[in-house]
Amino acid sequence: MAKSKSKSRSKPGTPKVKGSGQDDVLERIATALERLAPQPKALPDLRVADAFIWHPDGRLAPVNHVNRVEMSLLRGIDRVRDVLVENTERFAKGLPANNALLWGARGMGKSSLVKASHAAVNAAAGSGKSGHLKLVEIHREDIQSLPDLMALTRGSHYRFIVFCDDLSFDGEDTTYKSLKALLEGGIEGRPDNVIFYATSNRRHLMSRDMMENERSTAINPGETVEEKVSLSDRFGLWLGFHRCSQDEFLAMIDGYVGHYKISVAVDELHRDALEWSTTRGSRSGRVAWQFVQDLAGRLGVTLKD
């Protein structure tokens, strides 16, 4: 007796799925995911300016007129000036150079020297309106977005000085840890075409109270302090700025007055300048400039280069 062969039959009403239909569904899903994913940022046209301000949303805003002081007007900081300019020149040429921390007395030209060095190196290279060396300022509160800036500039044929003015850390702020890894020691490291310059009134970027509190609560106080100090160690150059003497202060005044061609008797100028510094309780490049602004205003002189 012949055995009947069983045949597999599909149940009535079951739709047949074609391979092309599955591919269409997968393609639509992939397209939707691409729209949801953040698009990679691209560098703007860097030929429009030599200086930019970094915004944490990924924008580099051009600065058409940088607030600078001419290098020749920076007095009393000859040694640190020469060191920073030489370091910047090496970096601009693609040679090894160090991150730099400019620390010390307020108003002695730390940020002015960074901006003047950038301008001087570009001018010496004969770069014209748009130089090969770009200055990018990042604000202290945006330090956490520094990895995004590094990723954006990595691979560009331009070279970048990333500059943070008045960098310091207080209280429970832990962003210094990410900054340490970015400067030196991270798996990716700092791009070859980027260097980091920072100014601070503190040599170790930490307040004394912050370091003492960490020491008092830590199991091993010495190790905690070492971790704090190691941030400054990531800067190959420590350039100290100290309070100027009376003679240096008067030399700053004379430099400004000569540069802007302000006609005033030297004896009267020095007497008024010293009185101005006494009322301010300080002698510095900033105080000297403030005095010259007041003097020019009283004499009706416009301070234009």
Protein backbone atom coordinates (compact mmCIF):
# COMPACT_ATOMS: atom_id res chain seq x y z
CA MET A 1 0.00 0.00 0.00
CA ALA A 2 1.58 3.28 -1.10
CA LYS A 3 2.29 5.85 1.58
CA SER A 4 0.99 9.32 0.92
CA LYS A 5 3.60 12.05 0.84
CA SER A 6 3.04 14.97 3.21
CA LYS A 7 3.30 18.37 1.65
CA SER A 8 4.03 21.56 3.57
CA ARG A 9 1.39 24.04 2.84
CA SER A 10 1.27 27.66 3.93
CA LYS A 11 -1.73 28.70 5.87
CA PRO A 12 -4.27 30.64 3.92
CA GLY A 13 -4.08 34.39 4.45
CA THR A 14 -0.35 34.46 5.40
CA PRO A 15 1.37 37.29 3.47
CA LYS A 16 4.54 36.50 1.62
CA VAL A 17 7.48 38.78 2.60
CA LYS A 18 9.79 39.62 -0.21
CA GLY A 19 13.49 40.32 0.35
CA SER A 20 13.29 43.67 -1.40
CA GLY A 21 10.62 44.80 1.08
CA GLN A 22 12.86 44.01 4.05
CA ASP A 23 15.68 45.97 2.45
CA ASP A 24 13.41 48.99 2.04
CA VAL A 25 12.42 48.88 5.70
CA LEU A 26 16.06 48.63 6.84
CA GLU A 27 17.05 51.48 4.57
CA ARG A 28 14.31 53.71 5.97
CA ILE A 29 15.41 52.89 9.54
CA ALA A 30 19.04 53.68 8.72
CA THR A 31 18.05 56.98 7.10
CA ALA A 32 15.98 57.95 10.15
CA LEU A 33 18.88 57.14 12.50
CA GLU A 34 21.25 59.26 10.42
CA ARG A 35 18.89 62.21 10.71
CA LEU A 36 18.75 61.79 14.49
CA ALA A 37 22.52 61.45 14.91
CA PRO A 38 24.48 64.69 15.45
CA GLN A 39 26.26 65.76 12.32
CA PRO A 40 30.05 66.20 12.58
CA LYS A 41 31.14 69.83 12.78
CA ALA A 42 33.34 71.30 10.07
CA LEU A 43 35.90 74.07 10.28
CA PRO A 44 34.72 77.41 8.91
CA ASP A 45 36.72 79.35 6.34
CA LEU A 46 39.76 80.24 8.44
CA ARG A 47 41.05 82.70 5.87
CA VAL A 48 38.61 85.34 7.08
CA ALA A 49 40.56 86.13 10.27
CA ASP A 50 43.63 85.31 12.32
CA ALA A 51 41.76 85.01 15.62
CA PHE A 52 38.58 83.20 16.64
CA ILE A 53 36.45 82.63 19.74
CA TRP A 54 35.34 79.07 20.45
CA HIS A 55 31.71 78.45 21.39
CA PRO A 56 30.80 75.12 23.00
CA ASP A 57 28.08 74.49 20.40
CA GLY A 58 30.88 73.88 17.90
CA ARG A 59 31.25 77.35 16.37
CA LEU A 60 34.45 79.28 15.76
CA ALA A 61 33.46 82.96 15.63
CA PRO A 62 35.98 85.17 13.78
CA VAL A 63 37.44 88.22 15.54
CA ASN A 64 38.13 90.90 12.96
CA HIS A 65 39.88 93.29 15.33
CA VAL A 66 41.90 91.77 18.17
CA ASN A 67 42.37 93.90 21.28
CA ARG A 68 46.17 93.92 21.26
CA VAL A 69 49.08 95.89 22.65
CA GLU A 70 52.16 96.21 20.47
CA MET A 71 55.10 94.09 21.55
CA SER A 72 57.35 97.16 21.88
CA LEU A 73 55.02 98.60 24.55
CA LEU A 74 55.33 95.59 26.86
CA ARG A 75 58.03 96.63 29.31
CA GLY A 76 59.64 94.87 32.26
CA ILE A 77 58.98 91.35 30.92
CA ASP A 78 61.88 91.01 28.48
CA ARG A 79 62.97 87.50 29.50
CA VAL A 80 59.54 85.85 29.44
CA ARG A 81 58.73 87.75 26.24
CA ASP A 82 61.73 86.28 24.44
CA VAL A 83 61.00 82.75 25.71
CA LEU A 84 57.35 82.81 24.63
CA VAL A 85 58.05 84.33 21.21
CA GLU A 86 60.76 81.73 20.53
CA ASN A 87 58.43 78.90 21.59
CA THR A 88 55.67 80.29 19.34
CA GLU A 89 58.05 80.63 16.39
CA ARG A 90 59.13 77.00 16.71
CA PHE A 91 55.53 75.85 16.86
CA ALA A 92 54.58 77.92 13.80
CA LYS A 93 57.40 76.25 11.85
CA GLY A 94 56.21 72.78 12.80
CA LEU A 95 59.04 72.18 15.27
CA PRO A 96 58.58 70.78 18.81
CA ALA A 97 57.17 73.35 21.25
CA ASN A 98 55.67 73.37 24.74
CA ASN A 99 52.32 74.30 26.21
CA ALA A 100 52.82 77.48 28.25
CA LEU A 101 51.41 78.70 31.56
CA LEU A 102 51.86 82.43 32.16
CA TRP A 103 51.27 83.02 35.86
CA GLY A 104 51.85 85.75 38.41
CA ALA A 105 50.98 89.33 39.31
CA ARG A 106 47.81 90.75 37.81
CA GLY A 107 48.02 93.44 35.17
CA MET A 108 51.59 92.65 34.12
CA GLY A 109 50.79 91.78 30.52
CA LYS A 110 50.26 88.00 30.54
CA SER A 111 47.35 87.89 28.09
CA SER A 112 48.76 90.87 26.17
CA LEU A 113 51.98 88.94 25.59
CA VAL A 114 50.13 85.91 24.20
CA LYS A 115 48.23 88.07 21.70
CA ALA A 116 51.30 90.12 20.81
CA SER A 117 53.40 86.98 20.25
CA HIS A 118 50.79 85.55 17.91
CA ALA A 119 50.69 88.77 15.87
CA ALA A 120 54.48 89.13 15.81
CA VAL A 121 55.09 85.56 14.59
CA ASN A 122 52.49 85.88 11.82
CA ALA A 123 53.92 89.24 10.77
CA ALA A 124 57.49 87.88 10.71
CA ALA A 125 56.32 85.04 8.45
CA GLY A 126 54.95 87.58 5.97
CA SER A 127 51.58 85.86 5.99
CA GLY A 128 49.63 88.88 4.84
CA LYS A 129 46.10 89.51 6.07
CA SER A 130 45.42 85.89 7.06
CA GLY A 131 48.30 84.06 8.69
CA HIS A 132 49.03 80.35 8.95
CA LEU A 133 48.96 80.59 12.76
CA LYS A 134 45.49 81.01 14.26
CA LEU A 135 44.65 82.20 17.77
CA VAL A 136 41.57 80.54 19.29
CA GLU A 137 40.30 81.80 22.64
CA ILE A 138 38.34 79.39 24.82
CA HIS A 139 36.57 80.72 27.90
CA ARG A 140 37.23 79.21 31.30
CA GLU A 141 33.66 77.94 31.67
CA ASP A 142 33.90 76.13 28.31
CA ILE A 143 36.96 74.03 29.15
CA GLN A 144 34.84 70.87 29.14
CA SER A 145 34.22 71.34 25.43
CA LEU A 146 37.96 71.40 24.71
CA PRO A 147 37.93 67.82 23.32
CA ASP A 148 35.43 68.94 20.67
CA LEU A 149 37.70 71.82 19.68
CA MET A 150 40.70 69.48 19.47
CA ALA A 151 38.76 67.06 17.27
CA LEU A 152 37.68 69.92 15.00
CA THR A 153 41.18 71.32 14.49
CA ARG A 154 42.97 67.99 14.22
CA GLY A 155 44.14 67.41 10.68
CA SER A 156 43.84 71.02 9.51
CA HIS A 157 46.81 72.44 7.61
CA TYR A 158 46.59 75.54 9.86
CA ARG A 159 48.30 75.67 13.24
CA PHE A 160 46.38 76.81 16.33
CA ILE A 161 47.23 78.50 19.62
CA VAL A 162 44.34 77.63 21.93
CA PHE A 163 44.32 80.37 24.57
CA CYS A 164 42.48 80.45 27.90
CA ASP A 165 42.74 83.66 29.92
CA ASP A 166 42.54 83.63 33.72
CA LEU A 167 42.44 79.85 34.06
CA SER A 168 41.89 78.58 37.61
CA PHE A 169 39.83 76.01 39.51
CA ASP A 170 37.90 76.31 42.76
CA GLY A 171 35.76 74.24 45.08
CA GLU A 172 34.32 71.04 43.65
CA ASP A 173 35.36 71.81 40.07
CA THR A 174 36.79 68.64 38.52
CA THR A 175 37.19 69.79 34.93
CA TYR A 176 40.93 70.07 35.58
CA LYS A 177 41.11 66.27 35.28
CA SER A 178 39.93 66.28 31.68
CA LEU A 179 42.28 69.16 30.93
CA LYS A 180 45.20 67.12 32.27
CA ALA A 181 44.45 64.23 29.94
CA LEU A 182 44.11 66.52 26.94
CA LEU A 183 47.36 68.37 27.51
CA GLU A 184 49.48 65.27 28.03
CA GLY A 185 48.82 61.65 28.76
CA GLY A 186 45.50 60.97 27.00
CA ILE A 187 45.24 58.07 24.58
CA GLU A 188 44.77 60.44 21.63
CA GLY A 189 46.82 63.33 22.97
CA ARG A 190 47.08 66.89 21.81
CA PRO A 191 47.08 67.31 18.02
CA ASP A 192 50.46 68.21 16.52
CA ASN A 193 48.98 71.40 15.06
CA VAL A 194 47.59 72.66 18.39
CA ILE A 195 49.36 74.24 21.36
CA PHE A 196 47.75 75.43 24.60
CA TYR A 197 48.59 78.77 26.27
CA ALA A 198 46.93 79.78 29.54
CA THR A 199 47.25 82.71 31.92
CA SER A 200 46.54 82.59 35.64
CA ASN A 201 47.26 84.49 38.82
CA ARG A 202 48.01 81.10 40.45
CA ARG A 203 51.08 79.07 39.75
CA HIS A 204 49.31 75.74 40.30
CA LEU A 205 45.89 76.87 39.00
CA MET A 206 44.30 75.83 42.32
CA SER A 207 43.36 78.06 45.22
CA ARG A 208 45.30 77.50 48.44
CA ASP A 209 42.04 76.77 50.31
CA MET A 210 41.12 74.12 47.76
CA MET A 211 44.44 72.34 48.13
CA GLU A 212 44.35 72.53 51.94
CA ASN A 213 40.80 71.15 52.07
CA GLU A 214 41.79 68.26 49.84
CA ARG A 215 44.79 67.57 52.05
CA SER A 216 42.73 67.54 55.25
CA THR A 217 40.08 65.12 53.96
CA ALA A 218 42.25 62.76 51.93
CA ILE A 219 43.46 59.36 53.18
CA ASN A 220 46.86 60.15 51.74
CA PRO A 221 47.18 63.98 51.70
CA GLY A 222 50.47 63.93 49.82
CA GLU A 223 49.02 62.05 46.87
CA THR A 224 46.06 64.43 46.65
CA VAL A 225 48.28 67.49 46.51
CA GLU A 226 50.47 65.79 43.91
CA GLU A 227 47.41 65.26 41.71
CA LYS A 228 46.54 68.96 41.92
CA VAL A 229 50.08 70.13 41.19
CA SER A 230 50.42 67.70 38.28
CA LEU A 231 48.07 69.86 36.19
CA SER A 232 50.65 72.64 36.08
CA ASP A 233 53.28 70.05 35.21
CA ARG A 234 51.47 69.47 31.91
CA PHE A 235 52.75 72.89 30.84
CA GLY A 236 56.34 72.66 29.63
CA LEU A 237 56.84 76.40 30.09
CA TRP A 238 56.15 78.20 33.36
CA LEU A 239 56.60 81.91 32.78
CA GLY A 240 56.42 84.00 35.94
CA PHE A 241 55.27 87.64 35.97
CA HIS A 242 56.18 89.71 39.02
CA ARG A 243 55.31 93.16 40.27
CA CYS A 244 57.28 95.88 38.55
CA SER A 245 59.60 98.38 40.19
CA GLN A 246 59.04 102.12 40.15
CA ASP A 247 61.57 102.58 37.35
CA GLU A 248 59.89 99.89 35.26
CA PHE A 249 56.50 101.48 35.86
CA LEU A 250 57.75 104.88 34.70
CA ALA A 251 59.36 103.24 31.67
CA MET A 252 55.95 101.83 30.74
CA ILE A 253 54.43 105.30 31.03
CA ASP A 254 57.20 106.81 28.89
CA GLY A 255 56.70 104.09 26.28
CA TYR A 256 52.99 104.77 25.94
CA VAL A 257 53.42 108.56 25.88
CA GLY A 258 56.14 108.32 23.22
CA HIS A 259 54.16 105.86 21.10
CA TYR A 260 51.03 108.01 21.03
CA LYS A 261 53.02 111.27 20.77
CA ILE A 262 51.48 112.88 23.86
CA SER A 263 53.20 116.18 24.58
CA VAL A 264 53.81 116.60 28.31
CA ALA A 265 56.75 117.61 30.52
CA VAL A 266 58.61 114.57 31.86
CA ASP A 267 58.76 115.81 35.47
CA GLU A 268 55.05 116.53 35.53
CA LEU A 269 54.32 113.18 33.80
CA HIS A 270 56.28 111.13 36.30
CA ARG A 271 54.90 112.99 39.31
CA ASP A 272 51.31 112.45 38.17
CA ALA A 273 51.98 108.81 37.25
CA LEU A 274 53.42 107.99 40.68
CA GLU A 275 50.50 109.72 42.38
CA TRP A 276 48.12 107.68 40.21
CA SER A 277 49.82 104.41 41.17
CA THR A 278 49.72 105.37 44.86
CA THR A 279 45.96 105.95 44.76
CA ARG A 280 45.52 102.59 43.03
CA GLY A 281 47.82 100.83 45.48
CA SER A 282 49.57 99.05 42.63
CA ARG A 283 52.16 99.42 39.90
CA SER A 284 51.61 97.35 36.77
CA GLY A 285 51.27 97.58 33.02
CA ARG A 286 47.49 97.77 33.38
CA VAL A 287 47.70 100.67 35.85
CA ALA A 288 50.17 102.43 33.52
CA TRP A 289 47.76 102.10 30.59
CA GLN A 290 44.84 103.35 32.69
CA PHE A 291 46.88 106.41 33.68
CA VAL A 292 47.78 107.13 30.03
CA GLN A 293 44.12 106.85 29.04
CA ASP A 294 43.20 109.37 31.73
CA LEU A 295 46.08 111.67 30.69
CA ALA A 296 45.11 111.52 27.02
CA GLY A 297 41.50 112.26 27.89
CA ARG A 298 42.46 115.33 29.92
CA LEU A 299 44.71 116.61 27.11
CA GLY A 300 42.19 115.84 24.36
CA VAL A 301 44.46 113.32 22.60
CA THR A 302 43.02 110.36 20.71
CA LEU A 303 44.84 107.07 21.32
CA LYS A 304 45.06 105.63 17.81
CA ASP A 305 47.92 103.85 16.14
